[in-house]
Amino acid sequence: MFCSKCGKELPENAFFCLNCGVRTKKGIEAGVSTPLIEELKDSFTKVGQEIEKTFSKAGKEMEKAFKTAREKIRESTVRIICPKCRAKNLGNAKYCYNCGEEL
């Protein structure tokens, strides 16, 4: 039998690797509880996975927010010239700010 983590040869009845301390397949099958270190590693791995999911979701939300902000900025910088008084109005205006003419 060999360790799944470090590859060191192990006695057939080993529940843990003599070299790196990882629980062997036999130890898992026997239900031998892992030392605190292994439990912490497992916990940190799970937390890391959850953080990764959260950051991925946050990144998508930020991307969506930036897209919306860019569109709003673009709308506010586009100008519509009033056909009556030639005033430059914001791109989302329906009526001229200067003379009230419908754009």
N, C-alpha and C. Protein backbone atom coordinates (compact mmCIF):
# COMPACT_ATOMS: atom_id res chain seq x y z
N MET A 1 0.86 -1.18 0.00
CA MET A 1 0.00 0.00 0.00
C MET A 1 0.90 1.24 0.00
N PHE A 2 0.48 2.26 -0.76
CA PHE A 2 1.24 3.51 -0.86
C PHE A 2 0.35 4.70 -0.51
N CYS A 3 0.95 5.74 0.03
CA CYS A 3 0.23 6.95 0.41
C CYS A 3 -0.28 7.66 -0.84
N SER A 4 -1.53 8.10 -0.79
CA SER A 4 -2.13 8.80 -1.93
C SER A 4 -1.61 10.23 -2.07
N LYS A 5 -1.00 10.75 -1.02
CA LYS A 5 -0.50 12.13 -1.07
C LYS A 5 0.99 12.19 -1.42
N CYS A 6 1.80 11.45 -0.67
CA CYS A 6 3.27 11.57 -0.86
C CYS A 6 3.89 10.36 -1.56
N GLY A 7 3.12 9.27 -1.71
CA GLY A 7 3.62 8.09 -2.41
C GLY A 7 4.48 7.14 -1.60
N LYS A 8 4.67 7.43 -0.33
CA LYS A 8 5.52 6.59 0.55
C LYS A 8 4.84 5.23 0.75
N GLU A 9 5.65 4.17 0.76
CA GLU A 9 5.12 2.82 1.01
C GLU A 9 4.68 2.72 2.46
N LEU A 10 3.54 2.06 2.68
CA LEU A 10 2.95 1.96 4.02
C LEU A 10 2.67 0.52 4.39
N PRO A 11 2.64 0.23 5.69
CA PRO A 11 2.21 -1.09 6.12
C PRO A 11 0.73 -1.28 5.75
N GLU A 12 0.33 -2.50 5.48
CA GLU A 12 -1.05 -2.79 5.05
C GLU A 12 -2.11 -2.33 6.06
N ASN A 13 -1.79 -2.31 7.33
CA ASN A 13 -2.77 -1.96 8.35
C ASN A 13 -2.70 -0.48 8.77
N ALA A 14 -1.98 0.35 8.03
CA ALA A 14 -1.80 1.77 8.42
C ALA A 14 -3.07 2.57 8.17
N PHE A 15 -3.48 3.31 9.18
CA PHE A 15 -4.61 4.23 9.04
C PHE A 15 -4.14 5.62 8.62
N PHE A 16 -2.85 5.90 8.88
CA PHE A 16 -2.26 7.19 8.53
C PHE A 16 -0.89 6.95 7.91
N CYS A 17 -0.48 7.85 7.02
CA CYS A 17 0.85 7.76 6.42
C CYS A 17 1.89 8.10 7.48
N LEU A 18 2.93 7.29 7.50
CA LEU A 18 4.01 7.51 8.46
C LEU A 18 4.87 8.72 8.08
N ASN A 19 4.80 9.14 6.82
CA ASN A 19 5.64 10.23 6.33
C ASN A 19 4.93 11.59 6.40
N CYS A 20 3.70 11.66 5.89
CA CYS A 20 3.03 12.97 5.82
C CYS A 20 1.81 13.08 6.72
N GLY A 21 1.35 11.97 7.30
CA GLY A 21 0.25 12.02 8.26
C GLY A 21 -1.14 11.98 7.66
N VAL A 22 -1.26 11.91 6.34
CA VAL A 22 -2.59 11.89 5.73
C VAL A 22 -3.27 10.56 6.05
N ARG A 23 -4.58 10.59 6.20
CA ARG A 23 -5.35 9.38 6.49
C ARG A 23 -5.39 8.51 5.24
N THR A 24 -5.16 7.23 5.39
CA THR A 24 -5.15 6.31 4.26
C THR A 24 -6.57 5.87 3.91
N LYS A 25 -6.69 5.19 2.78
CA LYS A 25 -7.99 4.66 2.37
C LYS A 25 -8.52 3.70 3.44
N LYS A 26 -7.62 2.91 3.98
CA LYS A 26 -8.00 1.97 5.04
C LYS A 26 -8.51 2.74 6.27
N GLY A 27 -7.86 3.83 6.60
CA GLY A 27 -8.30 4.66 7.72
C GLY A 27 -9.67 5.28 7.49
N ILE A 28 -9.91 5.68 6.25
CA ILE A 28 -11.22 6.26 5.90
C ILE A 28 -12.30 5.19 6.01
N GLU A 29 -12.01 4.01 5.43
CA GLU A 29 -12.97 2.90 5.48
C GLU A 29 -13.26 2.46 6.91
N ALA A 30 -12.26 2.51 7.77
CA ALA A 30 -12.43 2.11 9.17
C ALA A 30 -13.12 3.19 10.00
N GLY A 31 -13.29 4.37 9.41
CA GLY A 31 -13.95 5.46 10.12
C GLY A 31 -13.08 6.10 11.19
N VAL A 32 -11.77 5.93 11.07
CA VAL A 32 -10.84 6.54 12.02
C VAL A 32 -10.92 8.05 11.84
N SER A 33 -11.16 8.75 12.92
CA SER A 33 -11.27 10.21 12.81
C SER A 33 -9.92 10.83 12.51
N THR A 34 -9.99 11.90 11.73
CA THR A 34 -8.76 12.57 11.32
C THR A 34 -8.27 13.48 12.44
N PRO A 35 -6.98 13.71 12.46
CA PRO A 35 -6.47 14.66 13.45
C PRO A 35 -7.03 16.06 13.15
N LEU A 36 -6.92 16.90 14.10
CA LEU A 36 -7.43 18.27 13.99
C LEU A 36 -6.90 18.97 12.76
N ILE A 37 -5.65 18.76 12.42
CA ILE A 37 -5.03 19.41 11.26
C ILE A 37 -5.80 19.07 9.99
N GLU A 38 -6.12 17.79 9.80
CA GLU A 38 -6.85 17.38 8.60
C GLU A 38 -8.24 18.00 8.57
N GLU A 39 -8.88 18.05 9.71
CA GLU A 39 -10.20 18.67 9.79
C GLU A 39 -10.12 20.15 9.42
N LEU A 40 -9.09 20.82 9.91
CA LEU A 40 -8.90 22.24 9.57
C LEU A 40 -8.63 22.42 8.08
N LYS A 41 -7.80 21.54 7.52
CA LYS A 41 -7.52 21.62 6.09
C LYS A 41 -8.81 21.47 5.28
N ASP A 42 -9.62 20.47 5.66
CA ASP A 42 -10.89 20.27 4.97
C ASP A 42 -11.79 21.50 5.10
N SER A 43 -11.83 22.06 6.30
CA SER A 43 -12.66 23.25 6.53
C SER A 43 -12.18 24.42 5.69
N PHE A 44 -10.88 24.65 5.68
CA PHE A 44 -10.32 25.75 4.89
C PHE A 44 -10.56 25.54 3.39
N THR A 45 -10.48 24.29 2.95
CA THR A 45 -10.74 23.99 1.54
C THR A 45 -12.18 24.35 1.20
N LYS A 46 -13.11 23.96 2.05
CA LYS A 46 -14.53 24.25 1.82
C LYS A 46 -14.78 25.77 1.85
N VAL A 47 -14.18 26.44 2.81
CA VAL A 47 -14.33 27.90 2.90
C VAL A 47 -13.75 28.56 1.65
N GLY A 48 -12.59 28.08 1.22
CA GLY A 48 -11.97 28.62 0.02
C GLY A 48 -12.87 28.46 -1.20
N GLN A 49 -13.51 27.31 -1.31
CA GLN A 49 -14.42 27.08 -2.43
C GLN A 49 -15.62 28.03 -2.37
N GLU A 50 -16.14 28.24 -1.18
CA GLU A 50 -17.27 29.16 -1.02
C GLU A 50 -16.86 30.60 -1.35
N ILE A 51 -15.68 30.99 -0.91
CA ILE A 51 -15.17 32.33 -1.21
C ILE A 51 -15.01 32.50 -2.72
N GLU A 52 -14.48 31.47 -3.36
CA GLU A 52 -14.30 31.53 -4.81
C GLU A 52 -15.64 31.72 -5.52
N LYS A 53 -16.66 30.99 -5.09
CA LYS A 53 -18.00 31.14 -5.67
C LYS A 53 -18.52 32.55 -5.45
N THR A 54 -18.32 33.06 -4.23
CA THR A 54 -18.81 34.39 -3.89
C THR A 54 -18.12 35.46 -4.72
N PHE A 55 -16.79 35.36 -4.86
CA PHE A 55 -16.06 36.33 -5.67
C PHE A 55 -16.47 36.25 -7.13
N SER A 56 -16.71 35.05 -7.61
CA SER A 56 -17.15 34.88 -9.00
C SER A 56 -18.49 35.58 -9.21
N LYS A 57 -19.41 35.36 -8.28
CA LYS A 57 -20.73 35.99 -8.37
C LYS A 57 -20.60 37.51 -8.26
N ALA A 58 -19.77 37.97 -7.33
CA ALA A 58 -19.56 39.41 -7.15
C ALA A 58 -18.95 40.02 -8.41
N GLY A 59 -18.02 39.30 -9.02
CA GLY A 59 -17.39 39.79 -10.25
C GLY A 59 -18.41 39.97 -11.36
N LYS A 60 -19.33 39.01 -11.48
CA LYS A 60 -20.38 39.11 -12.50
C LYS A 60 -21.30 40.29 -12.21
N GLU A 61 -21.64 40.48 -10.95
CA GLU A 61 -22.50 41.60 -10.57
C GLU A 61 -21.81 42.94 -10.83
N MET A 62 -20.51 43.01 -10.54
CA MET A 62 -19.77 44.24 -10.80
C MET A 62 -19.69 44.52 -12.30
N GLU A 63 -19.48 43.48 -13.08
CA GLU A 63 -19.44 43.63 -14.53
C GLU A 63 -20.77 44.18 -15.05
N LYS A 64 -21.85 43.65 -14.51
CA LYS A 64 -23.19 44.12 -14.89
C LYS A 64 -23.39 45.58 -14.49
N ALA A 65 -22.93 45.94 -13.29
CA ALA A 65 -23.07 47.32 -12.81
C ALA A 65 -22.24 48.28 -13.66
N PHE A 66 -21.02 47.88 -14.03
CA PHE A 66 -20.19 48.74 -14.87
C PHE A 66 -20.82 48.93 -16.25
N LYS A 67 -21.42 47.87 -16.78
CA LYS A 67 -22.08 47.98 -18.09
C LYS A 67 -23.23 48.98 -18.01
N THR A 68 -24.02 48.88 -16.95
CA THR A 68 -25.13 49.81 -16.76
C THR A 68 -24.61 51.24 -16.61
N ALA A 69 -23.55 51.42 -15.82
CA ALA A 69 -22.97 52.75 -15.62
C ALA A 69 -22.45 53.32 -16.93
N ARG A 70 -21.79 52.48 -17.74
CA ARG A 70 -21.29 52.95 -19.04
C ARG A 70 -22.43 53.42 -19.92
N GLU A 71 -23.53 52.65 -19.92
CA GLU A 71 -24.69 53.02 -20.73
C GLU A 71 -25.28 54.35 -20.26
N LYS A 72 -25.36 54.52 -18.95
CA LYS A 72 -25.90 55.78 -18.39
C LYS A 72 -25.00 56.96 -18.76
N ILE A 73 -23.69 56.76 -18.68
CA ILE A 73 -22.75 57.83 -19.04
C ILE A 73 -22.89 58.15 -20.52
N ARG A 74 -23.00 57.11 -21.34
CA ARG A 74 -23.15 57.32 -22.77
C ARG A 74 -24.42 58.12 -23.07
N GLU A 75 -25.51 57.76 -22.38
CA GLU A 75 -26.78 58.48 -22.56
C GLU A 75 -26.63 59.95 -22.18
N SER A 76 -25.90 60.20 -21.11
CA SER A 76 -25.78 61.57 -20.63
C SER A 76 -24.82 62.41 -21.47
N THR A 77 -23.95 61.76 -22.25
CA THR A 77 -23.01 62.53 -23.06
C THR A 77 -23.50 62.72 -24.50
N VAL A 78 -24.46 61.91 -24.93
CA VAL A 78 -25.04 62.09 -26.26
C VAL A 78 -25.91 63.34 -26.23
N ARG A 79 -25.80 64.13 -27.25
CA ARG A 79 -26.57 65.37 -27.29
C ARG A 79 -27.54 65.37 -28.46
N ILE A 80 -28.74 65.83 -28.20
CA ILE A 80 -29.74 65.99 -29.25
C ILE A 80 -29.92 67.49 -29.46
N ILE A 81 -29.79 67.92 -30.69
CA ILE A 81 -29.94 69.35 -30.98
C ILE A 81 -31.40 69.64 -31.27
N CYS A 82 -31.92 70.61 -30.57
CA CYS A 82 -33.30 71.02 -30.73
C CYS A 82 -33.51 71.60 -32.13
N PRO A 83 -34.50 71.13 -32.88
CA PRO A 83 -34.73 71.64 -34.23
C PRO A 83 -35.22 73.10 -34.24
N LYS A 84 -35.78 73.56 -33.13
CA LYS A 84 -36.33 74.91 -33.08
C LYS A 84 -35.27 75.94 -32.66
N CYS A 85 -34.58 75.70 -31.52
CA CYS A 85 -33.65 76.71 -30.99
C CYS A 85 -32.19 76.32 -31.08
N ARG A 86 -31.90 75.10 -31.55
CA ARG A 86 -30.54 74.59 -31.73
C ARG A 86 -29.80 74.35 -30.40
N ALA A 87 -30.50 74.31 -29.30
CA ALA A 87 -29.86 74.01 -28.00
C ALA A 87 -29.48 72.53 -27.95
N LYS A 88 -28.37 72.26 -27.31
CA LYS A 88 -27.90 70.87 -27.17
C LYS A 88 -28.50 70.28 -25.89
N ASN A 89 -29.31 69.23 -26.08
CA ASN A 89 -29.99 68.57 -24.98
C ASN A 89 -29.37 67.19 -24.72
N LEU A 90 -29.57 66.68 -23.51
CA LEU A 90 -29.09 65.34 -23.19
C LEU A 90 -29.79 64.31 -24.07
N GLY A 91 -29.09 63.21 -24.34
CA GLY A 91 -29.59 62.18 -25.24
C GLY A 91 -30.90 61.54 -24.82
N ASN A 92 -31.22 61.54 -23.55
CA ASN A 92 -32.46 60.91 -23.09
C ASN A 92 -33.59 61.92 -22.92
N ALA A 93 -33.36 63.19 -23.31
CA ALA A 93 -34.39 64.24 -23.16
C ALA A 93 -35.50 64.04 -24.19
N LYS A 94 -36.72 64.28 -23.78
CA LYS A 94 -37.86 64.21 -24.69
C LYS A 94 -38.27 65.61 -25.15
N TYR A 95 -37.93 66.59 -24.31
CA TYR A 95 -38.25 67.99 -24.63
C TYR A 95 -37.01 68.84 -24.43
N CYS A 96 -36.92 69.90 -25.19
CA CYS A 96 -35.78 70.82 -25.11
C CYS A 96 -35.79 71.56 -23.78
N TYR A 97 -34.64 71.60 -23.15
CA TYR A 97 -34.54 72.29 -21.86
C TYR A 97 -34.65 73.81 -22.04
N ASN A 98 -34.35 74.31 -23.24
CA ASN A 98 -34.30 75.75 -23.49
C ASN A 98 -35.64 76.33 -23.92
N CYS A 99 -36.33 75.64 -24.86
CA CYS A 99 -37.57 76.21 -25.40
C CYS A 99 -38.79 75.33 -25.17
N GLY A 100 -38.60 74.10 -24.69
CA GLY A 100 -39.74 73.22 -24.41
C GLY A 100 -40.24 72.46 -25.62
N GLU A 101 -39.61 72.63 -26.78
CA GLU A 101 -40.01 71.93 -27.99
C GLU A 101 -39.81 70.42 -27.82
N GLU A 102 -40.73 69.62 -28.36
CA GLU A 102 -40.58 68.16 -28.31
C GLU A 102 -39.42 67.77 -29.23
N LEU A 103 -38.57 66.90 -28.71
CA LEU A 103 -37.40 66.49 -29.49
C LEU A 103 -37.71 65.25 -30.26
